[in-house]
Amino acid sequence: MNNQWQKKAKQAQKETDVELADQINHLTGIDSNSINALLAENSMNKDDFNQLIKLIKDQTKSNNEKIKALSNMQNGLEILVGLVGKLI
């Protein structure tokens, strides 16, 4: 039974990753290949990237708290700079 839940959780994560990539592409014009390349350049996996996005969207944290958290996240700032560079 536990194995079935793990399989469903992995499938849900894959679907969420695809949906997030599609949303980013729709909003910014940055496709999933560009995001994957940026992640690879900065040695960040998708789970860490999802955590980064959640941190940025967190309405309960102040900007200073987010900056502190970002500084503790490996390559978090580099990814954000790369994304902003692609948007501008």
C-alpha atoms as a PDB file:
ATOM      1  CA  MET A   1       0.000   0.000   0.000  1.00  0.00           C
ATOM      2  CA  ASN A   2       2.776   2.449   0.921  1.00  0.00           C
ATOM      3  CA  ASN A   3       4.489   1.799  -2.418  1.00  0.00           C
ATOM      4  CA  GLN A   4       1.317   2.819  -4.290  1.00  0.00           C
ATOM      5  CA  TRP A   5       1.247   6.147  -2.453  1.00  0.00           C
ATOM      6  CA  GLN A   6       4.905   6.728  -3.236  1.00  0.00           C
ATOM      7  CA  LYS A   7       4.261   6.051  -6.929  1.00  0.00           C
ATOM      8  CA  LYS A   8       1.287   8.422  -6.926  1.00  0.00           C
ATOM      9  CA  ALA A   9       3.323  11.093  -5.131  1.00  0.00           C
ATOM     10  CA  LYS A  10       6.137  10.799  -7.701  1.00  0.00           C
ATOM     11  CA  GLN A  11       3.624  11.026 -10.547  1.00  0.00           C
ATOM     12  CA  ALA A  12       2.008  14.080  -8.970  1.00  0.00           C
ATOM     13  CA  GLN A  13       5.432  15.734  -8.612  1.00  0.00           C
ATOM     14  CA  LYS A  14       6.209  15.090 -12.289  1.00  0.00           C
ATOM     15  CA  GLU A  15       2.873  16.563 -13.317  1.00  0.00           C
ATOM     16  CA  THR A  16       3.442  19.567 -11.056  1.00  0.00           C
ATOM     17  CA  ASP A  17       6.905  20.134 -12.558  1.00  0.00           C
ATOM     18  CA  VAL A  18       5.434  20.083 -16.065  1.00  0.00           C
ATOM     19  CA  GLU A  19       2.607  22.419 -15.049  1.00  0.00           C
ATOM     20  CA  LEU A  20       5.041  24.858 -13.397  1.00  0.00           C
ATOM     21  CA  ALA A  21       7.254  24.882 -16.474  1.00  0.00           C
ATOM     22  CA  ASP A  22       4.224  25.512 -18.695  1.00  0.00           C
ATOM     23  CA  GLN A  23       3.069  28.385 -16.477  1.00  0.00           C
ATOM     24  CA  ILE A  24       6.515  29.982 -16.457  1.00  0.00           C
ATOM     25  CA  ASN A  25       6.726  29.625 -20.227  1.00  0.00           C
ATOM     26  CA  HIS A  26       3.280  31.160 -20.668  1.00  0.00           C
ATOM     27  CA  LEU A  27       4.007  34.108 -18.358  1.00  0.00           C
ATOM     28  CA  THR A  28       7.569  34.839 -19.400  1.00  0.00           C
ATOM     29  CA  GLY A  29       8.259  33.218 -22.734  1.00  0.00           C
ATOM     30  CA  ILE A  30      11.021  31.166 -21.078  1.00  0.00           C
ATOM     31  CA  ASP A  31      10.594  27.539 -22.090  1.00  0.00           C
ATOM     32  CA  SER A  32      11.331  24.477 -19.989  1.00  0.00           C
ATOM     33  CA  ASN A  33      14.554  23.796 -21.923  1.00  0.00           C
ATOM     34  CA  SER A  34      15.883  27.220 -20.904  1.00  0.00           C
ATOM     35  CA  ILE A  35      14.921  26.620 -17.286  1.00  0.00           C
ATOM     36  CA  ASN A  36      16.498  23.159 -17.305  1.00  0.00           C
ATOM     37  CA  ALA A  37      19.693  24.572 -18.818  1.00  0.00           C
ATOM     38  CA  LEU A  38      19.801  27.318 -16.187  1.00  0.00           C
ATOM     39  CA  LEU A  39      19.288  24.753 -13.424  1.00  0.00           C
ATOM     40  CA  ALA A  40      22.039  22.554 -14.847  1.00  0.00           C
ATOM     41  CA  GLU A  41      24.443  25.509 -15.127  1.00  0.00           C
ATOM     42  CA  ASN A  42      23.905  26.270 -11.448  1.00  0.00           C
ATOM     43  CA  SER A  43      23.767  22.680 -10.188  1.00  0.00           C
ATOM     44  CA  MET A  44      20.219  23.000  -8.870  1.00  0.00           C
ATOM     45  CA  ASN A  45      17.610  20.261  -9.059  1.00  0.00           C
ATOM     46  CA  LYS A  46      13.897  20.788  -9.635  1.00  0.00           C
ATOM     47  CA  ASP A  47      12.980  20.156  -6.001  1.00  0.00           C
ATOM     48  CA  ASP A  48      15.311  22.944  -4.866  1.00  0.00           C
ATOM     49  CA  PHE A  49      13.963  25.196  -7.628  1.00  0.00           C
ATOM     50  CA  ASN A  50      10.399  24.527  -6.457  1.00  0.00           C
ATOM     51  CA  GLN A  51      11.472  25.433  -2.909  1.00  0.00           C
ATOM     52  CA  LEU A  52      12.983  28.648  -4.262  1.00  0.00           C
ATOM     53  CA  ILE A  53       9.732  29.567  -6.020  1.00  0.00           C
ATOM     54  CA  LYS A  54       7.722  28.805  -2.864  1.00  0.00           C
ATOM     55  CA  LEU A  55      10.053  31.013  -0.834  1.00  0.00           C
ATOM     56  CA  ILE A  56       9.662  33.915  -3.224  1.00  0.00           C
ATOM     57  CA  LYS A  57       5.866  33.581  -3.295  1.00  0.00           C
ATOM     58  CA  ASP A  58       5.580  33.282   0.509  1.00  0.00           C
ATOM     59  CA  GLN A  59       3.492  36.267   1.581  1.00  0.00           C
ATOM     60  CA  THR A  60       4.235  35.732   5.280  1.00  0.00           C
ATOM     61  CA  LYS A  61       7.956  36.510   4.955  1.00  0.00           C
ATOM     62  CA  SER A  62       9.446  39.984   4.681  1.00  0.00           C
ATOM     63  CA  ASN A  63      11.948  40.771   1.940  1.00  0.00           C
ATOM     64  CA  ASN A  64      14.761  40.671   4.509  1.00  0.00           C
ATOM     65  CA  GLU A  65      13.693  37.194   5.636  1.00  0.00           C
ATOM     66  CA  LYS A  66      13.594  36.052   2.021  1.00  0.00           C
ATOM     67  CA  ILE A  67      17.077  37.457   1.385  1.00  0.00           C
ATOM     68  CA  LYS A  68      18.433  35.589   4.408  1.00  0.00           C
ATOM     69  CA  ALA A  69      16.799  32.364   3.268  1.00  0.00           C
ATOM     70  CA  LEU A  70      18.097  32.866  -0.284  1.00  0.00           C
ATOM     71  CA  SER A  71      21.623  33.384   0.959  1.00  0.00           C
ATOM     72  CA  ASN A  72      21.408  30.011   2.692  1.00  0.00           C
ATOM     73  CA  MET A  73      20.033  28.283  -0.407  1.00  0.00           C
ATOM     74  CA  GLN A  74      22.781  26.906  -2.617  1.00  0.00           C
ATOM     75  CA  ASN A  75      22.835  28.761  -5.955  1.00  0.00           C
ATOM     76  CA  GLY A  76      19.461  30.401  -5.226  1.00  0.00           C
ATOM     77  CA  LEU A  77      20.641  33.899  -6.078  1.00  0.00           C
ATOM     78  CA  GLU A  78      22.418  32.742  -9.224  1.00  0.00           C
ATOM     79  CA  ILE A  79      19.229  31.127 -10.515  1.00  0.00           C
ATOM     80  CA  LEU A  80      17.217  34.275  -9.816  1.00  0.00           C
ATOM     81  CA  VAL A  81      19.780  36.482 -11.542  1.00  0.00           C
ATOM     82  CA  GLY A  82      19.738  34.116 -14.518  1.00  0.00           C
ATOM     83  CA  LEU A  83      15.946  34.177 -14.720  1.00  0.00           C
ATOM     84  CA  VAL A  84      15.800  37.967 -14.436  1.00  0.00           C
ATOM     85  CA  GLY A  85      18.463  38.201 -17.131  1.00  0.00           C
ATOM     86  CA  LYS A  86      16.259  36.159 -19.455  1.00  0.00           C
ATOM     87  CA  LEU A  87      13.208  38.297 -18.679  1.00  0.00           C
ATOM     88  CA  ILE A  88      14.866  41.625 -19.397  1.00  0.00           C
END
